[in-house]
C-alpha atoms as a PDB file:
ATOM      1  CA  UNK A   1      97.276 118.001 100.659  1.00  0.00           C
ATOM      2  CA  UNK A   2      99.521 119.961 103.744  1.00  0.00           C
ATOM      3  CA  UNK A   3     103.040 120.633 103.517  1.00  0.00           C
ATOM      4  CA  UNK A   4     105.740 119.663 106.362  1.00  0.00           C
ATOM      5  CA  UNK A   5     109.819 119.528 106.215  1.00  0.00           C
ATOM      6  CA  UNK A   6     109.423 115.464 106.187  1.00  0.00           C
ATOM      7  CA  UNK A   7     106.138 114.756 105.981  1.00  0.00           C
ATOM      8  CA  UNK A   8     105.590 111.357 106.499  1.00  0.00           C
ATOM      9  CA  UNK A   9     103.074 109.725 109.318  1.00  0.00           C
ATOM     10  CA  UNK A  10     103.181 107.515 111.901  1.00  0.00           C
ATOM     11  CA  UNK A  11     101.154 104.422 112.447  1.00  0.00           C
ATOM     12  CA  UNK A  12      99.482 102.960 115.131  1.00  0.00           C
ATOM     13  CA  UNK A  13      98.006  99.463 116.022  1.00  0.00           C
ATOM     14  CA  UNK A  14      96.046  98.225 118.830  1.00  0.00           C
ATOM     15  CA  UNK A  15      95.090  94.335 119.055  1.00  0.00           C
ATOM     16  CA  UNK A  16      93.525  93.553 122.525  1.00  0.00           C
ATOM     17  CA  UNK A  17      91.563  90.509 123.000  1.00  0.00           C
ATOM     18  CA  UNK A  18      87.785  90.495 124.352  1.00  0.00           C
ATOM     19  CA  UNK A  19      84.298  89.108 124.136  1.00  0.00           C
ATOM     20  CA  UNK A  20      82.757  92.327 123.935  1.00  0.00           C
ATOM     21  CA  UNK A  21      84.819  95.435 123.262  1.00  0.00           C
ATOM     22  CA  UNK A  22      86.086  96.566 126.447  1.00  0.00           C
ATOM     23  CA  UNK A  23      86.039 100.587 127.104  1.00  0.00           C
ATOM     24  CA  UNK A  24      89.121 101.591 129.064  1.00  0.00           C
ATOM     25  CA  UNK A  25      88.550 103.523 132.618  1.00  0.00           C
ATOM     26  CA  UNK A  26      89.016 107.314 132.856  1.00  0.00           C
ATOM     27  CA  UNK A  27      91.985 107.244 135.482  1.00  0.00           C
ATOM     28  CA  UNK A  28      92.032 110.495 138.516  1.00  0.00           C
ATOM     29  CA  UNK A  29      93.404 114.280 136.683  1.00  0.00           C
ATOM     30  CA  UNK A  30      96.875 114.571 137.118  1.00  0.00           C
ATOM     31  CA  UNK A  31      98.490 117.194 139.360  1.00  0.00           C
ATOM     32  CA  UNK A  32      99.317 120.148 138.933  1.00  0.00           C
ATOM     33  CA  UNK A  33     102.303 120.965 140.559  1.00  0.00           C
ATOM     34  CA  UNK A  34     102.787 117.137 140.976  1.00  0.00           C
ATOM     35  CA  UNK A  35     106.614 116.220 142.176  1.00  0.00           C
ATOM     36  CA  UNK A  36     108.836 114.078 139.530  1.00  0.00           C
ATOM     37  CA  UNK A  37     108.451 109.294 140.276  1.00  0.00           C
ATOM     38  CA  UNK A  38     111.173 107.545 138.815  1.00  0.00           C
ATOM     39  CA  UNK A  39     108.454 104.544 139.168  1.00  0.00           C
ATOM     40  CA  UNK A  40     104.872 106.727 138.990  1.00  0.00           C
ATOM     41  CA  UNK A  41     102.081 103.810 140.038  1.00  0.00           C
ATOM     42  CA  UNK A  42     100.250 101.812 136.651  1.00  0.00           C
ATOM     43  CA  UNK A  43      96.933 104.539 137.838  1.00  0.00           C
ATOM     44  CA  UNK A  44      98.676 107.635 137.507  1.00  0.00           C
ATOM     45  CA  UNK A  45      99.545 106.576 133.871  1.00  0.00           C
ATOM     46  CA  UNK A  46      96.213 108.285 132.307  1.00  0.00           C
ATOM     47  CA  UNK A  47      94.644 104.950 130.120  1.00  0.00           C
ATOM     48  CA  UNK A  48      92.125 108.223 128.955  1.00  0.00           C
ATOM     49  CA  UNK A  49      92.642 111.510 130.108  1.00  0.00           C
ATOM     50  CA  UNK A  50      90.133 113.196 131.636  1.00  0.00           C
ATOM     51  CA  UNK A  51      87.917 115.566 130.334  1.00  0.00           C
ATOM     52  CA  UNK A  52      87.686 112.467 127.721  1.00  0.00           C
ATOM     53  CA  UNK A  53      85.218 109.481 126.879  1.00  0.00           C
ATOM     54  CA  UNK A  54      86.148 105.920 126.794  1.00  0.00           C
ATOM     55  CA  UNK A  55      87.657 105.490 122.752  1.00  0.00           C
ATOM     56  CA  UNK A  56      86.436 101.865 122.355  1.00  0.00           C
ATOM     57  CA  UNK A  57      86.019 101.815 118.307  1.00  0.00           C
ATOM     58  CA  UNK A  58      88.838  98.996 116.138  1.00  0.00           C
ATOM     59  CA  UNK A  59      90.412  98.883 119.329  1.00  0.00           C
ATOM     60  CA  UNK A  60      88.932  96.105 121.021  1.00  0.00           C
ATOM     61  CA  UNK A  61      89.190  91.927 119.464  1.00  0.00           C
ATOM     62  CA  UNK A  62      86.231  90.143 119.639  1.00  0.00           C
ATOM     63  CA  UNK A  63      87.320  86.026 120.106  1.00  0.00           C
ATOM     64  CA  UNK A  64      85.433  84.954 117.110  1.00  0.00           C
ATOM     65  CA  UNK A  65      86.052  88.049 114.592  1.00  0.00           C
ATOM     66  CA  UNK A  66      89.556  89.501 115.785  1.00  0.00           C
ATOM     67  CA  UNK A  67      89.748  92.549 114.411  1.00  0.00           C
ATOM     68  CA  UNK A  68      93.325  94.547 113.794  1.00  0.00           C
ATOM     69  CA  UNK A  69      93.332  98.737 113.497  1.00  0.00           C
ATOM     70  CA  UNK A  70      96.392 100.430 111.279  1.00  0.00           C
ATOM     71  CA  UNK A  71      96.521 104.476 111.886  1.00  0.00           C
ATOM     72  CA  UNK A  72      98.330 104.778 107.970  1.00  0.00           C
ATOM     73  CA  UNK A  73      98.875 107.534 105.824  1.00  0.00           C
ATOM     74  CA  UNK A  74     101.092 108.357 103.007  1.00  0.00           C
ATOM     75  CA  UNK A  75     103.322 111.205 101.614  1.00  0.00           C
ATOM     76  CA  UNK A  76     105.196 112.522  98.679  1.00  0.00           C
ATOM     77  CA  UNK A  77     109.041 112.422  98.688  1.00  0.00           C
ATOM     78  CA  UNK A  78     109.270 116.393  97.964  1.00  0.00           C
ATOM     79  CA  UNK A  79     107.639 116.570 102.379  1.00  0.00           C
ATOM     80  CA  UNK A  80     103.842 116.455 101.236  1.00  0.00           C
ATOM     81  CA  UNK A  81     100.912 114.881 102.952  1.00  0.00           C
ATOM     82  CA  UNK A  82      98.329 113.076 101.118  1.00  0.00           C
ATOM     83  CA  UNK A  83      95.584 113.756 102.286  1.00  0.00           C
ATOM     84  CA  UNK A  84      91.542 113.306 100.882  1.00  0.00           C
ATOM     85  CA  UNK A  85      92.152 109.818 100.418  1.00  0.00           C
ATOM     86  CA  UNK A  86      89.337 107.277 100.556  1.00  0.00           C
ATOM     87  CA  UNK A  87      88.585 104.137 101.290  1.00  0.00           C
ATOM     88  CA  UNK A  88      89.134 102.346  97.915  1.00  0.00           C
ATOM     89  CA  UNK A  89      92.431 104.487  98.121  1.00  0.00           C
ATOM     90  CA  UNK A  90      93.581 101.580 100.312  1.00  0.00           C
ATOM     91  CA  UNK A  91      94.835  97.231  99.367  1.00  0.00           C
ATOM     92  CA  UNK A  92      95.697  95.525 102.355  1.00  0.00           C
ATOM     93  CA  UNK A  93      98.153  92.574 102.204  1.00  0.00           C
ATOM     94  CA  UNK A  94      98.662  90.743 105.500  1.00  0.00           C
ATOM     95  CA  UNK A  95     101.673  87.508 104.667  1.00  0.00           C
ATOM     96  CA  UNK A  96     100.921  88.420 101.224  1.00  0.00           C
ATOM     97  CA  UNK A  97      97.660  88.129 101.339  1.00  0.00           C
ATOM     98  CA  UNK A  98      94.851  90.059 100.870  1.00  0.00           C
ATOM     99  CA  UNK A  99      92.632  91.353 103.653  1.00  0.00           C
ATOM    100  CA  UNK A 100      88.847  92.625 103.729  1.00  0.00           C
ATOM    101  CA  UNK A 101      88.397  96.846 104.740  1.00  0.00           C
ATOM    102  CA  UNK A 102      86.092  96.563 106.965  1.00  0.00           C
ATOM    103  CA  UNK A 103      85.520  99.880 108.491  1.00  0.00           C
ATOM    104  CA  UNK A 104      87.560 102.966 107.298  1.00  0.00           C
ATOM    105  CA  UNK A 105      88.084 106.851 108.470  1.00  0.00           C
ATOM    106  CA  UNK A 106      90.162 109.599 109.587  1.00  0.00           C
ATOM    107  CA  UNK A 107      91.977 109.548 112.711  1.00  0.00           C
ATOM    108  CA  UNK A 108      91.260 112.606 114.859  1.00  0.00           C
ATOM    109  CA  UNK A 109      91.381 111.406 118.559  1.00  0.00           C
ATOM    110  CA  UNK A 110      93.701 113.275 120.715  1.00  0.00           C
ATOM    111  CA  UNK A 111      97.351 112.648 120.637  1.00  0.00           C
ATOM    112  CA  UNK A 112      99.440 111.236 123.876  1.00  0.00           C
ATOM    113  CA  UNK A 113     103.713 112.148 123.634  1.00  0.00           C
ATOM    114  CA  UNK A 114     106.031 111.346 125.466  1.00  0.00           C
ATOM    115  CA  UNK A 115     109.539 113.848 124.603  1.00  0.00           C
ATOM    116  CA  UNK A 116     111.840 111.857 126.190  1.00  0.00           C
ATOM    117  CA  UNK A 117     115.749 113.581 126.350  1.00  0.00           C
ATOM    118  CA  UNK A 118     118.972 112.257 126.643  1.00  0.00           C
ATOM    119  CA  UNK A 119     120.335 114.304 129.904  1.00  0.00           C
ATOM    120  CA  UNK A 120     124.088 112.681 130.236  1.00  0.00           C
ATOM    121  CA  UNK A 121     127.371 113.687 130.558  1.00  0.00           C
ATOM    122  CA  UNK A 122     127.861 112.149 126.942  1.00  0.00           C
ATOM    123  CA  UNK A 123     125.710 115.108 125.729  1.00  0.00           C
ATOM    124  CA  UNK A 124     127.291 117.393 128.458  1.00  0.00           C
ATOM    125  CA  UNK A 125     123.829 117.651 129.087  1.00  0.00           C
ATOM    126  CA  UNK A 126     123.840 119.978 125.523  1.00  0.00           C
ATOM    127  CA  UNK A 127     120.132 117.640 124.471  1.00  0.00           C
ATOM    128  CA  UNK A 128     118.115 119.142 127.524  1.00  0.00           C
ATOM    129  CA  UNK A 129     119.463 122.943 126.824  1.00  0.00           C
ATOM    130  CA  UNK A 130     119.000 123.174 123.802  1.00  0.00           C
ATOM    131  CA  UNK A 131     115.471 121.562 124.142  1.00  0.00           C
ATOM    132  CA  UNK A 132     113.721 124.668 126.000  1.00  0.00           C
ATOM    133  CA  UNK A 133     114.354 126.140 122.523  1.00  0.00           C
ATOM    134  CA  UNK A 134     113.076 123.315 121.229  1.00  0.00           C
ATOM    135  CA  UNK A 135     110.019 122.013 122.437  1.00  0.00           C
ATOM    136  CA  UNK A 136     108.526 125.731 121.897  1.00  0.00           C
ATOM    137  CA  UNK A 137     107.873 124.787 118.050  1.00  0.00           C
ATOM    138  CA  UNK A 138     106.024 121.119 118.996  1.00  0.00           C
ATOM    139  CA  UNK A 139     104.073 122.660 121.738  1.00  0.00           C
ATOM    140  CA  UNK A 140     102.787 125.178 119.659  1.00  0.00           C
ATOM    141  CA  UNK A 141     101.296 121.958 116.564  1.00  0.00           C
ATOM    142  CA  UNK A 142      99.891 120.215 119.851  1.00  0.00           C
ATOM    143  CA  UNK A 143      95.976 121.088 120.647  1.00  0.00           C
ATOM    144  CA  UNK A 144      93.802 121.334 123.750  1.00  0.00           C
ATOM    145  CA  UNK A 145      93.102 118.014 124.763  1.00  0.00           C
ATOM    146  CA  UNK A 146      96.397 116.243 123.912  1.00  0.00           C
ATOM    147  CA  UNK A 147      98.549 115.377 126.405  1.00  0.00           C
ATOM    148  CA  UNK A 148     102.077 115.084 127.123  1.00  0.00           C
ATOM    149  CA  UNK A 149     104.949 114.296 129.805  1.00  0.00           C
ATOM    150  CA  UNK A 150     108.670 114.637 129.618  1.00  0.00           C
ATOM    151  CA  UNK A 151     110.814 112.163 130.884  1.00  0.00           C
ATOM    152  CA  UNK A 152     114.882 112.213 131.292  1.00  0.00           C
ATOM    153  CA  UNK A 153     117.418 109.551 130.616  1.00  0.00           C
ATOM    154  CA  UNK A 154     120.874 108.959 131.436  1.00  0.00           C
ATOM    155  CA  UNK A 155     121.584 105.667 133.349  1.00  0.00           C
ATOM    156  CA  UNK A 156     118.634 105.855 134.449  1.00  0.00           C
ATOM    157  CA  UNK A 157     114.588 107.305 133.172  1.00  0.00           C
ATOM    158  CA  UNK A 158     113.301 109.908 134.987  1.00  0.00           C
ATOM    159  CA  UNK A 159     109.667 110.883 134.943  1.00  0.00           C
ATOM    160  CA  UNK A 160     110.284 115.306 135.414  1.00  0.00           C
ATOM    161  CA  UNK A 161     106.840 115.600 134.677  1.00  0.00           C
ATOM    162  CA  UNK A 162     103.913 113.609 134.421  1.00  0.00           C
ATOM    163  CA  UNK A 163     101.293 113.810 131.874  1.00  0.00           C
ATOM    164  CA  UNK A 164      99.184 117.152 131.425  1.00  0.00           C
ATOM    165  CA  UNK A 165      97.706 119.420 128.983  1.00  0.00           C
ATOM    166  CA  UNK A 166      99.095 121.860 130.189  1.00  0.00           C
ATOM    167  CA  UNK A 167     102.653 123.236 127.559  1.00  0.00           C
ATOM    168  CA  UNK A 168     103.626 125.542 129.940  1.00  0.00           C
ATOM    169  CA  UNK A 169     103.935 122.354 133.179  1.00  0.00           C
ATOM    170  CA  UNK A 170     106.354 120.512 130.986  1.00  0.00           C
ATOM    171  CA  UNK A 171     108.464 123.625 129.378  1.00  0.00           C
ATOM    172  CA  UNK A 172     109.344 124.379 132.943  1.00  0.00           C
ATOM    173  CA  UNK A 173     110.471 120.861 134.002  1.00  0.00           C
ATOM    174  CA  UNK A 174     112.590 121.614 130.507  1.00  0.00           C
ATOM    175  CA  UNK A 175     113.826 124.949 131.958  1.00  0.00           C
ATOM    176  CA  UNK A 176     114.870 123.399 136.075  1.00  0.00           C
ATOM    177  CA  UNK A 177     117.409 120.889 133.914  1.00  0.00           C
ATOM    178  CA  UNK A 178     120.013 121.824 135.019  1.00  0.00           C
ATOM    179  CA  UNK A 179     123.726 118.792 135.426  1.00  0.00           C
ATOM    180  CA  UNK A 180     123.712 115.367 134.275  1.00  0.00           C
ATOM    181  CA  UNK A 181     124.793 113.032 136.907  1.00  0.00           C
ATOM    182  CA  UNK A 182     126.199 109.990 134.822  1.00  0.00           C
ATOM    183  CA  UNK A 183     127.940 109.864 131.709  1.00  0.00           C
ATOM    184  CA  UNK A 184     125.565 106.716 129.917  1.00  0.00           C
ATOM    185  CA  UNK A 185     122.752 107.185 128.026  1.00  0.00           C
ATOM    186  CA  UNK A 186     120.570 103.664 128.292  1.00  0.00           C
ATOM    187  CA  UNK A 187     118.496 104.130 125.630  1.00  0.00           C
ATOM    188  CA  UNK A 188     117.218 100.555 125.172  1.00  0.00           C
ATOM    189  CA  UNK A 189     116.908 101.087 128.700  1.00  0.00           C
ATOM    190  CA  UNK A 190     114.295 103.973 128.026  1.00  0.00           C
ATOM    191  CA  UNK A 191     112.320 103.182 125.360  1.00  0.00           C
ATOM    192  CA  UNK A 192     111.414 100.431 126.675  1.00  0.00           C
ATOM    193  CA  UNK A 193     110.951 101.575 130.174  1.00  0.00           C
ATOM    194  CA  UNK A 194     107.993 104.121 128.117  1.00  0.00           C
ATOM    195  CA  UNK A 195     106.582 101.860 126.180  1.00  0.00           C
ATOM    196  CA  UNK A 196     105.453  99.727 128.869  1.00  0.00           C
ATOM    197  CA  UNK A 197     104.216 102.756 130.415  1.00  0.00           C
ATOM    198  CA  UNK A 198     101.828 103.677 127.575  1.00  0.00           C
ATOM    199  CA  UNK A 199     101.060 100.256 126.762  1.00  0.00           C
ATOM    200  CA  UNK A 200      97.498 100.296 129.335  1.00  0.00           C
ATOM    201  CA  UNK A 201      96.799 103.843 127.381  1.00  0.00           C
ATOM    202  CA  UNK A 202      94.328 104.300 124.330  1.00  0.00           C
ATOM    203  CA  UNK A 203      94.532 106.185 121.169  1.00  0.00           C
ATOM    204  CA  UNK A 204      97.066 107.570 119.583  1.00  0.00           C
ATOM    205  CA  UNK A 205     100.734 107.556 121.507  1.00  0.00           C
ATOM    206  CA  UNK A 206     103.371 108.615 120.852  1.00  0.00           C
ATOM    207  CA  UNK A 207     107.394 108.756 121.633  1.00  0.00           C
ATOM    208  CA  UNK A 208     109.035 111.651 120.733  1.00  0.00           C
ATOM    209  CA  UNK A 209     113.495 111.392 121.342  1.00  0.00           C
ATOM    210  CA  UNK A 210     116.126 113.295 121.558  1.00  0.00           C
ATOM    211  CA  UNK A 211     119.157 111.235 121.706  1.00  0.00           C
ATOM    212  CA  UNK A 212     122.261 110.076 119.985  1.00  0.00           C
ATOM    213  CA  UNK A 213     121.483 106.637 120.258  1.00  0.00           C
ATOM    214  CA  UNK A 214     124.369 105.957 121.447  1.00  0.00           C
ATOM    215  CA  UNK A 215     122.884 103.323 124.299  1.00  0.00           C
ATOM    216  CA  UNK A 216     126.499 102.601 127.245  1.00  0.00           C
ATOM    217  CA  UNK A 217     125.210 100.746 129.565  1.00  0.00           C
ATOM    218  CA  UNK A 218     121.237  98.945 128.746  1.00  0.00           C
ATOM    219  CA  UNK A 219     119.866  96.026 130.759  1.00  0.00           C
ATOM    220  CA  UNK A 220     118.435  95.210 127.099  1.00  0.00           C
ATOM    221  CA  UNK A 221     120.739  94.726 123.772  1.00  0.00           C
ATOM    222  CA  UNK A 222     118.870  95.840 120.470  1.00  0.00           C
ATOM    223  CA  UNK A 223     117.813  92.225 119.756  1.00  0.00           C
ATOM    224  CA  UNK A 224     115.322  92.160 122.761  1.00  0.00           C
ATOM    225  CA  UNK A 225     114.813  96.419 122.423  1.00  0.00           C
ATOM    226  CA  UNK A 226     113.601  95.136 119.262  1.00  0.00           C
ATOM    227  CA  UNK A 227     111.249  92.025 120.013  1.00  0.00           C
ATOM    228  CA  UNK A 228     109.795  94.645 122.877  1.00  0.00           C
ATOM    229  CA  UNK A 229     109.511  97.432 120.303  1.00  0.00           C
ATOM    230  CA  UNK A 230     107.304  94.881 118.001  1.00  0.00           C
ATOM    231  CA  UNK A 231     105.224  93.955 120.078  1.00  0.00           C
ATOM    232  CA  UNK A 232     103.563  97.230 121.536  1.00  0.00           C
ATOM    233  CA  UNK A 233     101.144  99.530 119.492  1.00  0.00           C
ATOM    234  CA  UNK A 234     103.754 102.890 120.152  1.00  0.00           C
ATOM    235  CA  UNK A 235     104.932 105.205 117.350  1.00  0.00           C
ATOM    236  CA  UNK A 236     108.175 106.151 118.197  1.00  0.00           C
ATOM    237  CA  UNK A 237     109.418 109.731 116.358  1.00  0.00           C
ATOM    238  CA  UNK A 238     113.670 109.780 116.470  1.00  0.00           C
ATOM    239  CA  UNK A 239     115.822 113.012 116.517  1.00  0.00           C
ATOM    240  CA  UNK A 240     119.046 111.588 116.282  1.00  0.00           C
ATOM    241  CA  UNK A 241     121.908 114.042 117.013  1.00  0.00           C
ATOM    242  CA  UNK A 242     125.067 112.845 116.803  1.00  0.00           C
ATOM    243  CA  UNK A 243     125.041 114.572 113.067  1.00  0.00           C
ATOM    244  CA  UNK A 244     124.672 117.648 115.374  1.00  0.00           C
ATOM    245  CA  UNK A 245     126.973 116.834 118.076  1.00  0.00           C
ATOM    246  CA  UNK A 246     129.919 116.288 115.971  1.00  0.00           C
ATOM    247  CA  UNK A 247     129.039 118.748 113.337  1.00  0.00           C
ATOM    248  CA  UNK A 248     129.931 121.616 116.830  1.00  0.00           C
ATOM    249  CA  UNK A 249     132.991 119.447 118.149  1.00  0.00           C
ATOM    250  CA  UNK A 250     135.195 118.318 114.243  1.00  0.00           C
ATOM    251  CA  UNK A 251     138.280 117.504 115.803  1.00  0.00           C
ATOM    252  CA  UNK A 252     136.164 114.173 117.428  1.00  0.00           C
ATOM    253  CA  UNK A 253     138.100 110.764 117.676  1.00  0.00           C
ATOM    254  CA  UNK A 254     136.704 108.778 114.170  1.00  0.00           C
ATOM    255  CA  UNK A 255     135.846 105.702 116.797  1.00  0.00           C
ATOM    256  CA  UNK A 256     133.220 107.783 118.132  1.00  0.00           C
ATOM    257  CA  UNK A 257     131.989 109.281 114.980  1.00  0.00           C
ATOM    258  CA  UNK A 258     131.294 105.386 114.047  1.00  0.00           C
ATOM    259  CA  UNK A 259     130.097 105.086 117.094  1.00  0.00           C
ATOM    260  CA  UNK A 260     127.230 107.301 115.914  1.00  0.00           C
ATOM    261  CA  UNK A 261     127.027 105.976 112.864  1.00  0.00           C
ATOM    262  CA  UNK A 262     126.344 102.655 114.588  1.00  0.00           C
ATOM    263  CA  UNK A 263     123.780 104.389 116.669  1.00  0.00           C
ATOM    264  CA  UNK A 264     122.050 106.755 113.647  1.00  0.00           C
ATOM    265  CA  UNK A 265     120.837 103.214 111.830  1.00  0.00           C
ATOM    266  CA  UNK A 266     119.760 102.049 115.748  1.00  0.00           C
ATOM    267  CA  UNK A 267     117.468 104.894 115.627  1.00  0.00           C
ATOM    268  CA  UNK A 268     116.482 104.480 112.132  1.00  0.00           C
ATOM    269  CA  UNK A 269     115.087 100.704 113.071  1.00  0.00           C
ATOM    270  CA  UNK A 270     113.134 101.832 116.138  1.00  0.00           C
ATOM    271  CA  UNK A 271     111.091 104.573 113.852  1.00  0.00           C
ATOM    272  CA  UNK A 272     111.263 102.431 110.406  1.00  0.00           C
ATOM    273  CA  UNK A 273     109.336  99.137 113.012  1.00  0.00           C
ATOM    274  CA  UNK A 274     106.633 101.350 114.760  1.00  0.00           C
ATOM    275  CA  UNK A 275     105.742 103.203 111.900  1.00  0.00           C
ATOM    276  CA  UNK A 276     107.596 106.080 112.397  1.00  0.00           C
ATOM    277  CA  UNK A 277     110.295 108.749 111.754  1.00  0.00           C
ATOM    278  CA  UNK A 278     113.647 109.587 112.332  1.00  0.00           C
ATOM    279  CA  UNK A 279     115.418 112.965 111.591  1.00  0.00           C
ATOM    280  CA  UNK A 280     119.364 113.676 111.493  1.00  0.00           C
ATOM    281  CA  UNK A 281     119.827 117.404 112.336  1.00  0.00           C
ATOM    282  CA  UNK A 282     123.213 118.954 112.011  1.00  0.00           C
ATOM    283  CA  UNK A 283     122.286 122.477 112.369  1.00  0.00           C
ATOM    284  CA  UNK A 284     119.995 123.926 114.894  1.00  0.00           C
ATOM    285  CA  UNK A 285     117.927 126.215 112.035  1.00  0.00           C
ATOM    286  CA  UNK A 286     116.068 122.599 111.064  1.00  0.00           C
ATOM    287  CA  UNK A 287     114.713 121.774 114.599  1.00  0.00           C
ATOM    288  CA  UNK A 288     111.588 124.069 114.561  1.00  0.00           C
ATOM    289  CA  UNK A 289     110.116 122.282 110.935  1.00  0.00           C
ATOM    290  CA  UNK A 290     110.796 118.471 112.691  1.00  0.00           C
ATOM    291  CA  UNK A 291     109.215 119.562 115.598  1.00  0.00           C
ATOM    292  CA  UNK A 292     106.429 120.635 113.383  1.00  0.00           C
ATOM    293  CA  UNK A 293     106.361 118.043 111.309  1.00  0.00           C
ATOM    294  CA  UNK A 294     106.175 115.258 114.013  1.00  0.00           C
ATOM    295  CA  UNK A 295     102.802 116.345 115.448  1.00  0.00           C
ATOM    296  CA  UNK A 296     101.610 117.282 111.517  1.00  0.00           C
ATOM    297  CA  UNK A 297     102.090 112.959 110.885  1.00  0.00           C
ATOM    298  CA  UNK A 298      99.425 112.189 114.240  1.00  0.00           C
ATOM    299  CA  UNK A 299      97.299 114.944 112.250  1.00  0.00           C
ATOM    300  CA  UNK A 300      97.137 113.343 109.350  1.00  0.00           C
ATOM    301  CA  UNK A 301      96.135 109.654 109.427  1.00  0.00           C
ATOM    302  CA  UNK A 302      94.095 107.326 108.853  1.00  0.00           C
ATOM    303  CA  UNK A 303      91.820 104.335 110.532  1.00  0.00           C
ATOM    304  CA  UNK A 304      92.020 101.334 108.762  1.00  0.00           C
ATOM    305  CA  UNK A 305      90.386  97.960 110.275  1.00  0.00           C
ATOM    306  CA  UNK A 306      89.843  94.245 108.944  1.00  0.00           C
ATOM    307  CA  UNK A 307      89.091  90.585 110.034  1.00  0.00           C
ATOM    308  CA  UNK A 308      92.297  89.009 109.658  1.00  0.00           C
ATOM    309  CA  UNK A 309      91.747  85.892 107.324  1.00  0.00           C
ATOM    310  CA  UNK A 310      94.592  83.375 109.638  1.00  0.00           C
ATOM    311  CA  UNK A 311      92.902  83.042 112.650  1.00  0.00           C
ATOM    312  CA  UNK A 312      95.170  80.602 114.161  1.00  0.00           C
ATOM    313  CA  UNK A 313      95.870  82.292 117.784  1.00  0.00           C
ATOM    314  CA  UNK A 314      99.572  80.876 116.871  1.00  0.00           C
ATOM    315  CA  UNK A 315     101.739  84.684 119.208  1.00  0.00           C
ATOM    316  CA  UNK A 316     103.760  84.907 114.732  1.00  0.00           C
ATOM    317  CA  UNK A 317     105.001  87.970 113.391  1.00  0.00           C
ATOM    318  CA  UNK A 318     102.229  88.832 110.535  1.00  0.00           C
ATOM    319  CA  UNK A 319     103.541  91.421 108.453  1.00  0.00           C
ATOM    320  CA  UNK A 320     101.163  94.304 107.263  1.00  0.00           C
ATOM    321  CA  UNK A 321     101.606  95.397 104.148  1.00  0.00           C
ATOM    322  CA  UNK A 322      99.303  98.439 102.674  1.00  0.00           C
ATOM    323  CA  UNK A 323      99.273  99.929  99.570  1.00  0.00           C
ATOM    324  CA  UNK A 324      97.591 103.305  97.973  1.00  0.00           C
ATOM    325  CA  UNK A 325      95.924 102.094  94.242  1.00  0.00           C
ATOM    326  CA  UNK A 326      93.179 103.581  92.047  1.00  0.00           C
ATOM    327  CA  UNK A 327      89.700 103.232  92.024  1.00  0.00           C
ATOM    328  CA  UNK A 328      90.425 100.849  89.239  1.00  0.00           C
ATOM    329  CA  UNK A 329      92.199  99.118  91.029  1.00  0.00           C
ATOM    330  CA  UNK A 330      95.764  99.988  89.297  1.00  0.00           C
ATOM    331  CA  UNK A 331      98.629 101.665  91.524  1.00  0.00           C
ATOM    332  CA  UNK A 332      97.635 105.383  92.893  1.00  0.00           C
ATOM    333  CA  UNK A 333      99.198 108.761  90.668  1.00  0.00           C
ATOM    334  CA  UNK A 334      99.821 111.345  92.534  1.00  0.00           C
ATOM    335  CA  UNK A 335     101.029 114.292  90.569  1.00  0.00           C
ATOM    336  CA  UNK A 336     102.555 118.229  91.848  1.00  0.00           C
ATOM    337  CA  UNK A 337     100.535 121.748  90.793  1.00  0.00           C
ATOM    338  CA  UNK A 338     102.374 121.351  87.687  1.00  0.00           C
ATOM    339  CA  UNK A 339     101.005 118.088  86.370  1.00  0.00           C
ATOM    340  CA  UNK A 340     104.399 115.783  87.562  1.00  0.00           C
ATOM    341  CA  UNK A 341     103.909 112.212  88.493  1.00  0.00           C
ATOM    342  CA  UNK A 342     105.515 112.358  91.899  1.00  0.00           C
ATOM    343  CA  UNK A 343     106.915 109.240  93.943  1.00  0.00           C
ATOM    344  CA  UNK A 344     105.612 108.665  97.718  1.00  0.00           C
ATOM    345  CA  UNK A 345     105.541 106.159 100.562  1.00  0.00           C
ATOM    346  CA  UNK A 346     103.031 104.044 102.702  1.00  0.00           C
ATOM    347  CA  UNK A 347     103.813 104.833 106.675  1.00  0.00           C
ATOM    348  CA  UNK A 348     101.887 102.255 109.155  1.00  0.00           C
ATOM    349  CA  UNK A 349     103.685  99.696 111.624  1.00  0.00           C
ATOM    350  CA  UNK A 350     104.902  96.727 109.594  1.00  0.00           C
ATOM    351  CA  UNK A 351     102.806  94.198 111.484  1.00  0.00           C
ATOM    352  CA  UNK A 352     101.693  92.535 114.597  1.00  0.00           C
ATOM    353  CA  UNK A 353     101.901  89.632 116.647  1.00  0.00           C
ATOM    354  CA  UNK A 354      98.912  87.071 116.595  1.00  0.00           C
ATOM    355  CA  UNK A 355      97.521  86.104 119.690  1.00  0.00           C
ATOM    356  CA  UNK A 356      98.233  83.056 121.205  1.00  0.00           C
ATOM    357  CA  UNK A 357      96.874  81.153 123.199  1.00  0.00           C
ATOM    358  CA  UNK A 358      93.858  78.291 122.471  1.00  0.00           C
ATOM    359  CA  UNK A 359      90.733  79.235 119.405  1.00  0.00           C
END
């Protein structure tokens, strides 16, 4: 088992309809030094990063036999990732009904990630400033074939660096952040705009957001945001910095502190529903392990596919639950190096929306 600070795993679910598996087209290469664009054409979003083969396994669904693919993993309460699991160690339920696993294997596809920073007057631009130092721990754990982009938001969402495999370009974009222009922090809109931008990207994709979590002026409310996030296949990792701000400014009013407590609950919900995790550090020293954990989550996953027994095309949300079991079907027992039984949890997206239309 590999050790991380808060060992949890993300999950992603791919659901598409086609008569035969559809291969995604490789887009043109992102151009280094390209000027940031707030609303890039769709063709600029890497459906499959240049130099990689289109990934079709487990992504497509035939009309007659739909296929659901979930990336899933598990970790102990102490932060140890559970590795070496086999097909027979997983049991899948959809709306409480057991499902037959048809495909299984480690998930080792390249990562496509968007780093999203709150950069508004509410946080005094502090998050963008500190990201200059924190992001190095994230970049050090990414591989050359991984893709990353940088966005900031206040009342608007801005693309500071489009998708690139050169992490130095992202760091340079962070270093060029100076003074925020607005006080607003429209986190709901930022998440939805970024998720929409990733909708045609194939493979393992995620959002890492550093924010207070307080939403001030979004066009969408929390319910609308959650509804759309449940329909996506993007894993969201949230680093909520409300406690960090309160620790640095202990004289903040009680109302402000209550705002941040509500914001924490929202960030937890975003991550839980999408198979990610949320951290709420109080001190800068916690950040290196958090960023290392994000990369570890995405590196230690299993890809599980099944053909759902419920073929009704009603567009309703189907709840998916995954359990770990021993070969005899009993709950899996995980022991530490001293032979002590460990508590653990399975992390995956909580469900998907069934296709809608005529059978």
